[in-house]
Structure formats: C-alpha cells, structure tokens
C-alpha cells in the first residue's frame, strides 16, 4: 500500500485493479501472461509468439498443435500462456484455444472454468460451435473446452467431422491452438498434428531425456 500512496489518482486505480485481478481470479498462478504480462517469463512467451509469426511458410500457420513426449512437461500451461500472449498482440488477432486432450482434459481446471460441453460434444452430438466456446474475459481470446470424455478419442479427432471443424475454425479465427495429449503414450497428437499447420513440442529442461524426444 505504501507504493499506491505515492502514485497519482489515475495510476492508483490501475494498480488496485491489477491487485484485485490477482486475488479474485480463478486462473492457475502459472498463467503468468495474465497475472504479470511484463515479467521475463511472459517475455519468453512473446518471443515464442514472434518466432511463430515470423516463420516463412507457403501456408499461413493458423492452426497449431501443442504436445509433449510424456505427461507433466507443461504443454497445457504453455498452450494457455501462448494463446494469451497472441491475444495480447497489438494486431488484435482472434485466437481460439481448444482443449483437444480428450483423455485427461485439464484446461478448464487451470482456467477455473465449470465447463460441461465442448469439442467432443461438437463432434459427437452436432452441437453448434457457438454453444461449445467460452469467453473468459480476455480480449481476442475464446476457449473451447474438451467436453465430455469419450471412449474413442483418437477416432473422434481423426474423423471427417473433425477435419471439417478445423477448416471452419480457420475461417473464423486468426490462430487456433490445440492442446493435445503427449505423443508417445497415445496417437491423438499425431492425428491432430497431421491436420494442422504446425506442431509445437514442449520439452521440460533437465527432465526429458534426449532419446525420448527423438522417439
């Protein structure tokens, strides 16, 4: 509070808003691009954003798959922070973040969402896209939760309906980021990755073995 007292009235309001956002938000503390956009870690996510945007490709990199080799390497946290970073760009790109982990969906937990429908319902039940997406209060960013966990996720993700959905989403959004399961235990990430414009591999420094990454 001593710092607030030294600020003028206009800055004081801004300072209090940031503090309140930190206290009241249900977001996981590791969503650093939301809590502290000026931090060095947030800057690294902006560097990743810049590198993606700078890739010279004949096909625009609109749909991206994020995966890892094994569990607990940070792929979902990376997906969320990257999506927020792109949404914060001054170019105001429309971003859709999709939880395509239909086995151990965790995006809703990290974002504090009580989501009952999403991607799986869209494919299986013919739900409208508008009914399967959520606004979480961040400009330019929309979320599509995983929905109910099906018994055949790989078949759903590799279906013609999924391919049609990706084409539809690419016509509506500037970037679509698919958070998928690890690539070694299950085939889902490979199925989605073959339908998107690029794959981001998340590797935990000091933990993931080089042989596993090569595999």
Foldseek 3Di string as FASTA:
>chain_A
DVVLVPDDPVVSVVVVVLVVCVVPFQAAVLLCCNNPVPDPVVVVLLVVVVVLCPDDDPDRQAEEEEAALAPDLCRLSSLNNNQLSVCPDPVNFQEEEEALALPDFCNCNNRVHPDAAFDVCCQPVVDDNVVQWDDSPRGNYIYGGNHHRDPDSQCSCQDPSVLVVVVVVVVVGRHYYYYYYNPNVDPNSVSNQVSGDYYHYRGHPPPDDPVSVVD
